[in-house]
C-alpha cells in the first residue's frame, strides 16, 4: 500500500480528494502545527525531570507532517485504526495515539465552529439560535424499530409498511411520521 503522504507529495492535485484540503493548504497547516508542536514539546521539556540526556531514547516513528496527514486522512476517510496503521506503516495503537495527539493540536490552531464559539457567550448563542431558526433542518436517517404501541391510533401513526420483523414476521413500528 502507498503511504497517503507519499501519494500526496507525488500527486499534489489528489490532496483534496484524500485529505479534504488542497496541497498548499496542507503545507500551511503543517507549518502551523509544527510550530505548535515545538511549543508543546518545549513546555513538556521545561517541566521534565531528566534521567537520560537530551536527544537520547527512541526516535519518533512519524514526522509531524506524517502525523498531520494521518489525522486528516482519518477525519476525511474514517478508516479503522488498523487500516490507518497499515497505510502509515505503524501499529494501530500508535495510529490512535498519533491521531489523538495531532487532533488536539489542530483543535488549538484552527478556529472553532460557530456553535462552539457561541456556547461560551450567551448573547452570541442566542443570536446564532435566532439565525439558525430561520432555516429548516432536514435529517436523512434510517427507520428505527420501536415497541408496538397499545393504542390503535398510535399504532396507525407509527406503522411502517416497508419492513417486516425478520424474527417474528410481525409488522415493524417505526419512529417515522408522515
N, C-alpha and C. Protein backbone atom coordinates (compact mmCIF):
# COMPACT_ATOMS: atom_id res chain seq x y z
N UNK A 1 0.83 -1.18 0.00
CA UNK A 1 0.00 0.00 0.00
C UNK A 1 0.87 1.24 0.00
N UNK A 2 0.40 2.25 -0.68
CA UNK A 2 1.12 3.50 -0.75
C UNK A 2 0.78 4.37 0.45
N UNK A 3 1.80 4.94 1.04
CA UNK A 3 1.59 5.88 2.14
C UNK A 3 0.85 7.09 1.57
N UNK A 4 -0.25 7.52 2.22
CA UNK A 4 -1.01 8.66 1.70
C UNK A 4 -0.18 9.93 1.56
N UNK A 5 0.77 10.15 2.47
CA UNK A 5 1.62 11.34 2.37
C UNK A 5 2.49 11.26 1.13
N UNK A 6 3.06 10.10 0.84
CA UNK A 6 3.87 9.93 -0.36
C UNK A 6 3.01 10.15 -1.61
N UNK A 7 1.80 9.68 -1.58
CA UNK A 7 0.89 9.87 -2.71
C UNK A 7 0.57 11.35 -2.92
N UNK A 8 0.32 12.05 -1.82
CA UNK A 8 0.00 13.48 -1.91
C UNK A 8 1.20 14.27 -2.41
N UNK A 9 2.39 13.91 -1.94
CA UNK A 9 3.59 14.63 -2.36
C UNK A 9 3.93 14.36 -3.82
N UNK A 10 3.67 13.15 -4.30
CA UNK A 10 3.96 12.85 -5.70
C UNK A 10 2.84 13.31 -6.64
N UNK A 11 1.62 13.42 -6.12
CA UNK A 11 0.47 13.87 -6.91
C UNK A 11 -0.30 14.92 -6.11
N UNK A 12 0.21 16.16 -6.02
CA UNK A 12 -0.44 17.18 -5.18
C UNK A 12 -1.89 17.48 -5.57
N UNK A 13 -2.26 17.26 -6.82
CA UNK A 13 -3.63 17.54 -7.25
C UNK A 13 -4.65 16.58 -6.62
N UNK A 14 -4.19 15.46 -6.03
CA UNK A 14 -5.08 14.50 -5.39
C UNK A 14 -5.26 14.76 -3.90
N UNK A 15 -4.62 15.78 -3.37
CA UNK A 15 -4.70 16.06 -1.93
C UNK A 15 -6.13 16.34 -1.49
N UNK A 16 -6.85 17.11 -2.26
CA UNK A 16 -8.22 17.48 -1.89
C UNK A 16 -9.08 16.23 -1.74
N UNK A 17 -8.91 15.27 -2.62
CA UNK A 17 -9.70 14.04 -2.57
C UNK A 17 -9.32 13.17 -1.37
N UNK A 18 -8.04 13.12 -1.04
CA UNK A 18 -7.58 12.23 0.02
C UNK A 18 -7.72 12.82 1.43
N UNK A 19 -7.43 14.12 1.57
CA UNK A 19 -7.43 14.70 2.92
C UNK A 19 -8.40 15.87 3.09
N UNK A 20 -9.08 16.26 2.03
CA UNK A 20 -10.10 17.28 2.16
C UNK A 20 -9.65 18.72 1.97
N UNK A 21 -8.36 18.95 1.83
CA UNK A 21 -7.82 20.29 1.56
C UNK A 21 -6.78 20.18 0.46
N UNK A 22 -6.51 21.30 -0.22
CA UNK A 22 -5.52 21.21 -1.30
C UNK A 22 -4.10 21.19 -0.73
N UNK A 23 -3.14 20.91 -1.56
CA UNK A 23 -1.76 20.69 -1.11
C UNK A 23 -1.15 21.94 -0.46
N UNK A 24 -1.41 23.12 -1.02
CA UNK A 24 -0.87 24.35 -0.43
C UNK A 24 -1.44 24.60 0.96
N UNK A 25 -2.75 24.34 1.13
CA UNK A 25 -3.36 24.48 2.45
C UNK A 25 -2.76 23.47 3.42
N UNK A 26 -2.49 22.26 2.93
CA UNK A 26 -1.89 21.23 3.76
C UNK A 26 -0.52 21.67 4.26
N UNK A 27 0.30 22.22 3.37
CA UNK A 27 1.64 22.68 3.77
C UNK A 27 1.56 23.82 4.79
N UNK A 28 0.60 24.75 4.59
CA UNK A 28 0.42 25.84 5.55
C UNK A 28 -0.02 25.29 6.91
N UNK A 29 -0.92 24.31 6.89
CA UNK A 29 -1.38 23.69 8.13
C UNK A 29 -0.24 22.96 8.83
N UNK A 30 0.60 22.29 8.06
CA UNK A 30 1.74 21.58 8.64
C UNK A 30 2.69 22.56 9.32
N UNK A 31 2.97 23.70 8.70
CA UNK A 31 3.89 24.66 9.32
C UNK A 31 3.31 25.22 10.62
N UNK A 32 2.01 25.52 10.65
CA UNK A 32 1.39 26.00 11.89
C UNK A 32 1.39 24.92 12.97
N UNK A 33 1.07 23.69 12.58
CA UNK A 33 1.03 22.59 13.54
C UNK A 33 2.42 22.26 14.06
N UNK A 34 3.44 22.30 13.21
CA UNK A 34 4.81 22.04 13.67
C UNK A 34 5.25 23.10 14.68
N UNK A 35 4.87 24.34 14.43
CA UNK A 35 5.21 25.41 15.38
C UNK A 35 4.56 25.15 16.74
N UNK A 36 3.27 24.79 16.73
CA UNK A 36 2.57 24.49 17.99
C UNK A 36 3.14 23.24 18.64
N UNK A 37 3.54 22.27 17.84
CA UNK A 37 4.15 21.04 18.34
C UNK A 37 5.46 21.35 19.07
N UNK A 38 6.30 22.21 18.46
CA UNK A 38 7.56 22.59 19.12
C UNK A 38 7.30 23.33 20.43
N UNK A 39 6.30 24.21 20.44
CA UNK A 39 5.94 24.93 21.68
C UNK A 39 5.49 23.95 22.76
N UNK A 40 4.66 22.98 22.37
CA UNK A 40 4.17 21.99 23.31
C UNK A 40 5.31 21.13 23.87
N UNK A 41 6.23 20.74 22.98
CA UNK A 41 7.37 19.94 23.42
C UNK A 41 8.29 20.74 24.35
N UNK A 42 8.44 22.05 24.08
CA UNK A 42 9.25 22.91 24.95
C UNK A 42 8.62 23.01 26.33
N UNK A 43 7.29 23.11 26.41
CA UNK A 43 6.59 23.14 27.70
C UNK A 43 6.81 21.84 28.47
N UNK A 44 6.71 20.73 27.76
CA UNK A 44 6.93 19.42 28.39
C UNK A 44 8.37 19.31 28.88
N UNK A 45 9.31 19.75 28.05
CA UNK A 45 10.74 19.68 28.39
C UNK A 45 11.07 20.52 29.62
N UNK A 46 10.40 21.67 29.74
CA UNK A 46 10.66 22.57 30.85
C UNK A 46 10.27 21.94 32.19
N UNK A 47 9.23 21.15 32.21
CA UNK A 47 8.74 20.53 33.44
C UNK A 47 9.26 19.12 33.67
N UNK A 48 10.09 18.64 32.77
CA UNK A 48 10.56 17.25 32.82
C UNK A 48 11.76 17.10 33.75
N UNK A 49 11.77 16.01 34.48
CA UNK A 49 12.95 15.63 35.28
C UNK A 49 13.72 14.64 34.43
N UNK A 50 14.94 15.02 34.03
CA UNK A 50 15.71 14.20 33.10
C UNK A 50 16.52 13.13 33.80
N UNK A 51 16.41 11.92 33.28
CA UNK A 51 17.26 10.81 33.69
C UNK A 51 18.22 10.50 32.57
N UNK A 52 17.71 10.57 31.35
CA UNK A 52 18.51 10.33 30.16
C UNK A 52 18.84 11.67 29.54
N UNK A 53 20.04 11.78 28.99
CA UNK A 53 20.47 13.04 28.37
C UNK A 53 19.56 13.41 27.20
N UNK A 54 19.44 14.72 26.96
CA UNK A 54 18.60 15.21 25.87
C UNK A 54 19.09 14.62 24.55
N UNK A 55 18.13 14.16 23.73
CA UNK A 55 18.48 13.55 22.46
C UNK A 55 18.58 12.04 22.55
N UNK A 56 18.58 11.50 23.77
CA UNK A 56 18.63 10.05 23.94
C UNK A 56 17.24 9.46 23.84
N UNK A 57 17.16 8.16 23.86
CA UNK A 57 15.86 7.49 23.80
C UNK A 57 15.44 7.18 22.38
N UNK A 58 14.26 6.63 22.26
CA UNK A 58 13.73 6.21 20.97
C UNK A 58 13.31 7.42 20.13
N UNK A 59 13.64 7.37 18.88
CA UNK A 59 13.27 8.44 17.95
C UNK A 59 11.80 8.25 17.54
N UNK A 60 11.11 9.33 17.27
CA UNK A 60 9.71 9.19 16.85
C UNK A 60 9.61 8.46 15.51
N UNK A 61 8.56 7.64 15.39
CA UNK A 61 8.38 6.87 14.16
C UNK A 61 7.75 7.70 13.05
N UNK A 62 7.08 8.78 13.42
CA UNK A 62 6.39 9.61 12.43
C UNK A 62 6.88 11.05 12.53
N UNK A 63 7.02 11.66 11.38
CA UNK A 63 7.32 13.08 11.36
C UNK A 63 6.03 13.84 11.61
N UNK A 64 6.13 15.11 12.01
CA UNK A 64 4.90 15.90 12.18
C UNK A 64 4.05 15.93 10.92
N UNK A 65 4.68 15.99 9.77
CA UNK A 65 3.94 16.02 8.51
C UNK A 65 3.13 14.74 8.33
N UNK A 66 3.73 13.59 8.66
CA UNK A 66 3.02 12.32 8.56
C UNK A 66 1.88 12.25 9.58
N UNK A 67 2.12 12.76 10.79
CA UNK A 67 1.09 12.76 11.81
C UNK A 67 -0.12 13.58 11.43
N UNK A 68 0.12 14.74 10.86
CA UNK A 68 -0.98 15.60 10.42
C UNK A 68 -1.72 14.96 9.25
N UNK A 69 -0.98 14.36 8.35
CA UNK A 69 -1.59 13.66 7.21
C UNK A 69 -2.45 12.51 7.73
N UNK A 70 -1.94 11.75 8.70
CA UNK A 70 -2.69 10.64 9.29
C UNK A 70 -4.01 11.17 9.88
N UNK A 71 -3.93 12.25 10.60
CA UNK A 71 -5.10 12.85 11.23
C UNK A 71 -6.12 13.27 10.17
N UNK A 72 -5.67 13.93 9.13
CA UNK A 72 -6.58 14.39 8.08
C UNK A 72 -7.18 13.24 7.28
N UNK A 73 -6.39 12.19 7.04
CA UNK A 73 -6.91 11.01 6.34
C UNK A 73 -8.01 10.38 7.19
N UNK A 74 -7.79 10.28 8.49
CA UNK A 74 -8.80 9.70 9.37
C UNK A 74 -10.08 10.54 9.36
N UNK A 75 -9.94 11.85 9.49
CA UNK A 75 -11.12 12.72 9.52
C UNK A 75 -11.89 12.65 8.20
N UNK A 76 -11.17 12.59 7.10
CA UNK A 76 -11.81 12.58 5.78
C UNK A 76 -12.39 11.22 5.41
N UNK A 77 -11.62 10.13 5.64
CA UNK A 77 -11.99 8.81 5.15
C UNK A 77 -12.63 7.91 6.20
N UNK A 78 -12.35 8.14 7.47
CA UNK A 78 -12.85 7.34 8.59
C UNK A 78 -12.49 5.85 8.51
N UNK A 79 -11.23 5.50 8.22
CA UNK A 79 -10.88 4.08 8.26
C UNK A 79 -10.68 3.64 9.71
N UNK A 80 -10.71 2.35 9.96
CA UNK A 80 -10.39 1.89 11.30
C UNK A 80 -8.90 2.10 11.53
N UNK A 81 -8.48 2.15 12.79
CA UNK A 81 -7.08 2.46 13.09
C UNK A 81 -6.13 1.36 12.62
N UNK A 82 -6.61 0.16 12.50
CA UNK A 82 -5.78 -0.92 11.98
C UNK A 82 -5.39 -0.63 10.53
N UNK A 83 -6.36 -0.20 9.72
CA UNK A 83 -6.09 0.16 8.32
C UNK A 83 -5.21 1.41 8.26
N UNK A 84 -5.49 2.37 9.13
CA UNK A 84 -4.69 3.59 9.17
C UNK A 84 -3.24 3.26 9.51
N UNK A 85 -3.04 2.33 10.46
CA UNK A 85 -1.70 1.89 10.80
C UNK A 85 -1.00 1.22 9.63
N UNK A 86 -1.74 0.41 8.89
CA UNK A 86 -1.16 -0.24 7.71
C UNK A 86 -0.74 0.79 6.66
N UNK A 87 -1.58 1.81 6.47
CA UNK A 87 -1.26 2.85 5.48
C UNK A 87 0.01 3.61 5.84
N UNK A 88 0.21 3.86 7.13
CA UNK A 88 1.37 4.65 7.57
C UNK A 88 2.49 3.79 8.15
N UNK A 89 2.36 2.47 8.04
CA UNK A 89 3.38 1.51 8.48
C UNK A 89 3.69 1.65 9.97
N UNK A 90 2.63 1.73 10.78
CA UNK A 90 2.77 1.75 12.24
C UNK A 90 1.68 0.85 12.81
N UNK A 91 1.72 0.61 14.12
CA UNK A 91 0.69 -0.23 14.73
C UNK A 91 -0.61 0.56 14.88
N UNK A 92 -1.71 -0.16 15.11
CA UNK A 92 -2.99 0.52 15.27
C UNK A 92 -3.00 1.38 16.53
N UNK A 93 -2.28 0.96 17.57
CA UNK A 93 -2.21 1.75 18.79
C UNK A 93 -1.47 3.05 18.55
N UNK A 94 -0.36 2.98 17.81
CA UNK A 94 0.39 4.20 17.52
C UNK A 94 -0.39 5.12 16.59
N UNK A 95 -1.18 4.52 15.69
CA UNK A 95 -2.03 5.33 14.81
C UNK A 95 -3.07 6.07 15.65
N UNK A 96 -3.66 5.38 16.61
CA UNK A 96 -4.64 6.01 17.50
C UNK A 96 -3.99 7.11 18.34
N UNK A 97 -2.82 6.82 18.90
CA UNK A 97 -2.11 7.82 19.71
C UNK A 97 -1.73 9.05 18.87
N UNK A 98 -1.23 8.80 17.66
CA UNK A 98 -0.85 9.91 16.78
C UNK A 98 -2.06 10.75 16.41
N UNK A 99 -3.16 10.09 16.09
CA UNK A 99 -4.38 10.83 15.75
C UNK A 99 -4.80 11.72 16.92
N UNK A 100 -4.87 11.15 18.12
CA UNK A 100 -5.33 11.93 19.28
C UNK A 100 -4.38 13.08 19.60
N UNK A 101 -3.08 12.89 19.42
CA UNK A 101 -2.13 13.97 19.67
C UNK A 101 -2.31 15.10 18.66
N UNK A 102 -2.36 14.75 17.38
CA UNK A 102 -2.41 15.78 16.35
C UNK A 102 -3.78 16.44 16.24
N UNK A 103 -4.85 15.72 16.56
CA UNK A 103 -6.17 16.35 16.50
C UNK A 103 -6.28 17.41 17.60
N UNK A 104 -5.65 17.19 18.75
CA UNK A 104 -5.62 18.22 19.80
C UNK A 104 -4.88 19.46 19.33
N UNK A 105 -3.77 19.27 18.66
CA UNK A 105 -3.01 20.41 18.14
C UNK A 105 -3.82 21.14 17.07
N UNK A 106 -4.46 20.38 16.18
CA UNK A 106 -5.27 21.02 15.14
C UNK A 106 -6.44 21.80 15.75
N UNK A 107 -7.02 21.29 16.83
CA UNK A 107 -8.10 22.00 17.51
C UNK A 107 -7.60 23.31 18.11
N UNK A 108 -6.36 23.32 18.56
CA UNK A 108 -5.79 24.54 19.15
C UNK A 108 -5.50 25.60 18.09
N UNK A 109 -5.04 25.19 16.91
CA UNK A 109 -4.61 26.18 15.92
C UNK A 109 -5.69 26.57 14.93
N UNK A 110 -6.73 25.74 14.78
CA UNK A 110 -7.80 26.06 13.84
C UNK A 110 -8.97 26.70 14.59
N UNK A 111 -9.72 27.57 13.93
CA UNK A 111 -10.85 28.20 14.62
C UNK A 111 -11.94 27.19 14.93
N UNK A 112 -12.63 27.43 16.02
CA UNK A 112 -13.73 26.55 16.43
C UNK A 112 -14.95 26.83 15.56
N UNK A 113 -15.90 25.92 15.60
CA UNK A 113 -17.15 26.14 14.87
C UNK A 113 -17.92 27.27 15.55
N UNK A 114 -18.88 27.83 14.85
CA UNK A 114 -19.66 28.93 15.40
C UNK A 114 -20.41 28.50 16.65
N UNK A 115 -20.89 27.29 16.68
CA UNK A 115 -21.63 26.81 17.84
C UNK A 115 -20.71 26.69 19.05
N UNK A 116 -19.48 26.19 18.85
CA UNK A 116 -18.54 26.09 19.96
C UNK A 116 -18.16 27.47 20.49
N UNK A 117 -17.95 28.42 19.58
CA UNK A 117 -17.61 29.77 19.99
C UNK A 117 -18.77 30.43 20.74
N UNK A 118 -19.98 30.20 20.26
CA UNK A 118 -21.16 30.83 20.86
C UNK A 118 -21.54 30.19 22.19
N UNK A 119 -21.13 28.95 22.42
CA UNK A 119 -21.53 28.28 23.66
C UNK A 119 -20.97 28.93 24.91
N UNK A 120 -19.88 29.68 24.79
CA UNK A 120 -19.31 30.35 25.97
C UNK A 120 -19.92 31.73 26.20
N UNK A 121 -20.54 32.32 25.18
CA UNK A 121 -21.15 33.64 25.30
C UNK A 121 -22.65 33.50 25.04
N UNK A 122 -23.46 33.73 26.09
CA UNK A 122 -24.90 33.50 25.97
C UNK A 122 -25.55 34.42 24.93
N UNK A 123 -25.07 35.66 24.79
CA UNK A 123 -25.65 36.57 23.82
C UNK A 123 -25.39 36.07 22.39
N UNK A 124 -24.15 35.65 22.12
CA UNK A 124 -23.83 35.11 20.80
C UNK A 124 -24.63 33.84 20.53
N UNK A 125 -24.82 33.04 21.56
CA UNK A 125 -25.58 31.80 21.42
C UNK A 125 -27.02 32.10 21.03
N UNK A 126 -27.62 33.08 21.68
CA UNK A 126 -29.00 33.47 21.35
C UNK A 126 -29.10 33.99 19.92
N UNK A 127 -28.12 34.80 19.50
CA UNK A 127 -28.11 35.33 18.13
C UNK A 127 -27.98 34.20 17.11
N UNK A 128 -27.09 33.25 17.39
CA UNK A 128 -26.90 32.11 16.49
C UNK A 128 -28.16 31.25 16.43
N UNK A 129 -28.79 31.05 17.58
CA UNK A 129 -30.03 30.28 17.62
C UNK A 129 -31.12 30.96 16.80
N UNK A 130 -31.21 32.28 16.93
CA UNK A 130 -32.20 33.04 16.17
C UNK A 130 -31.93 32.91 14.67
N UNK A 131 -30.65 33.03 14.28
CA UNK A 131 -30.28 32.93 12.88
C UNK A 131 -30.59 31.54 12.33
N UNK A 132 -30.27 30.50 13.09
CA UNK A 132 -30.48 29.13 12.62
C UNK A 132 -31.95 28.74 12.63
N UNK A 133 -32.78 29.39 13.43
CA UNK A 133 -34.19 29.04 13.48
C UNK A 133 -34.92 29.44 12.19
N UNK A 134 -34.30 30.28 11.38
CA UNK A 134 -34.90 30.67 10.11
C UNK A 134 -34.77 29.58 9.05
N UNK A 135 -33.94 28.59 9.30
CA UNK A 135 -33.71 27.51 8.34
C UNK A 135 -34.39 26.24 8.80
N UNK A 136 -34.72 25.39 7.84
CA UNK A 136 -35.34 24.11 8.14
C UNK A 136 -34.26 23.04 8.14
N UNK A 137 -34.26 22.23 9.17
CA UNK A 137 -33.27 21.16 9.29
C UNK A 137 -33.85 19.89 8.69
N UNK A 138 -33.11 19.30 7.78
CA UNK A 138 -33.52 18.04 7.16
C UNK A 138 -32.51 16.98 7.56
N UNK A 139 -33.00 15.90 8.14
CA UNK A 139 -32.14 14.81 8.57
C UNK A 139 -32.53 13.56 7.81
N UNK A 140 -31.58 12.96 7.14
CA UNK A 140 -31.81 11.72 6.42
C UNK A 140 -31.34 10.59 7.33
N UNK A 141 -32.27 9.80 7.82
CA UNK A 141 -31.88 8.73 8.73
C UNK A 141 -32.70 7.48 8.44
N UNK A 142 -32.21 6.36 8.90
CA UNK A 142 -32.93 5.10 8.71
C UNK A 142 -34.02 4.97 9.76
N UNK A 143 -35.03 4.18 9.44
CA UNK A 143 -36.09 3.94 10.41
C UNK A 143 -35.54 3.10 11.56
N UNK A 144 -36.07 3.34 12.73
CA UNK A 144 -35.66 2.58 13.90
C UNK A 144 -36.88 1.92 14.50
N UNK A 145 -36.79 0.62 14.72
CA UNK A 145 -37.91 -0.12 15.29
C UNK A 145 -38.17 0.35 16.71
N UNK A 146 -39.44 0.36 17.09
CA UNK A 146 -39.83 0.78 18.43
C UNK A 146 -40.86 -0.21 18.96
N UNK A 147 -41.09 -0.20 20.25
CA UNK A 147 -42.08 -1.10 20.83
C UNK A 147 -43.46 -0.79 20.26
N UNK A 148 -44.27 -1.80 20.09
CA UNK A 148 -45.60 -1.62 19.49
C UNK A 148 -46.50 -0.88 20.47
N UNK A 149 -47.04 0.25 20.03
CA UNK A 149 -47.95 1.00 20.90
C UNK A 149 -49.23 0.20 21.17
N UNK A 150 -49.81 0.37 22.35
CA UNK A 150 -51.01 -0.35 22.72
C UNK A 150 -52.24 0.24 22.02
N UNK A 151 -52.33 1.54 21.99
CA UNK A 151 -53.47 2.22 21.39
C UNK A 151 -53.45 2.07 19.87
N UNK A 152 -54.62 1.75 19.29
CA UNK A 152 -54.72 1.52 17.85
C UNK A 152 -54.35 2.77 17.04
N UNK A 153 -54.78 3.93 17.48
CA UNK A 153 -54.47 5.17 16.77
C UNK A 153 -52.96 5.43 16.78
N UNK A 154 -52.32 5.14 17.89
CA UNK A 154 -50.86 5.28 17.97
C UNK A 154 -50.17 4.28 17.05
N UNK A 155 -50.73 3.05 16.96
CA UNK A 155 -50.16 2.06 16.06
C UNK A 155 -50.23 2.55 14.63
N UNK A 156 -51.35 3.11 14.22
CA UNK A 156 -51.50 3.63 12.87
C UNK A 156 -50.51 4.75 12.61
N UNK A 157 -50.29 5.55 13.61
CA UNK A 157 -49.40 6.70 13.46
C UNK A 157 -47.95 6.28 13.21
N UNK A 158 -47.53 5.23 13.87
CA UNK A 158 -46.13 4.81 13.77
C UNK A 158 -45.90 3.62 12.83
N UNK A 159 -46.93 3.04 12.27
CA UNK A 159 -46.77 1.85 11.44
C UNK A 159 -46.05 2.17 10.14
N UNK A 160 -45.10 1.31 9.79
CA UNK A 160 -44.42 1.43 8.52
C UNK A 160 -44.62 0.12 7.76
N UNK A 161 -45.21 0.20 6.59
CA UNK A 161 -45.45 -1.00 5.80
C UNK A 161 -44.22 -1.45 5.03
N UNK A 162 -43.10 -0.75 5.20
CA UNK A 162 -41.90 -1.07 4.42
C UNK A 162 -41.27 -2.40 4.82
N UNK A 163 -41.19 -2.67 6.09
CA UNK A 163 -40.40 -3.81 6.54
C UNK A 163 -41.22 -4.71 7.48
N UNK A 164 -40.87 -5.96 7.48
CA UNK A 164 -41.41 -6.89 8.45
C UNK A 164 -40.27 -7.29 9.37
N UNK A 165 -40.59 -7.62 10.60
CA UNK A 165 -39.58 -8.05 11.54
C UNK A 165 -39.07 -9.42 11.09
N UNK A 166 -37.78 -9.57 10.93
CA UNK A 166 -37.19 -10.80 10.39
C UNK A 166 -37.41 -11.99 11.32
N UNK A 167 -37.57 -11.75 12.61
CA UNK A 167 -37.68 -12.86 13.54
C UNK A 167 -39.11 -13.37 13.70
N UNK A 168 -40.07 -12.47 13.74
CA UNK A 168 -41.43 -12.91 14.03
C UNK A 168 -42.41 -12.68 12.88
N UNK A 169 -41.95 -12.09 11.79
CA UNK A 169 -42.80 -11.79 10.63
C UNK A 169 -43.94 -10.84 11.00
N UNK A 170 -43.79 -10.12 12.10
CA UNK A 170 -44.79 -9.13 12.50
C UNK A 170 -44.41 -7.79 11.90
N UNK A 171 -45.39 -6.91 11.74
CA UNK A 171 -45.07 -5.57 11.24
C UNK A 171 -44.15 -4.82 12.19
N UNK A 172 -43.35 -3.97 11.64
CA UNK A 172 -42.43 -3.16 12.44
C UNK A 172 -43.05 -1.77 12.60
N UNK A 173 -43.02 -1.26 13.81
CA UNK A 173 -43.49 0.09 14.08
C UNK A 173 -42.27 0.98 14.21
N UNK A 174 -42.23 2.03 13.42
CA UNK A 174 -41.04 2.87 13.35
C UNK A 174 -41.34 4.30 13.78
N UNK A 175 -40.27 5.01 14.10
CA UNK A 175 -40.38 6.40 14.52
C UNK A 175 -40.39 7.34 13.32
N UNK A 176 -41.20 7.01 12.33
CA UNK A 176 -41.32 7.85 11.15
C UNK A 176 -42.73 8.41 11.13
N UNK A 177 -42.84 9.71 11.05
CA UNK A 177 -44.16 10.33 10.99
C UNK A 177 -44.32 10.98 9.64
N UNK A 178 -45.49 10.73 9.01
CA UNK A 178 -45.74 11.33 7.71
C UNK A 178 -46.79 12.37 7.81
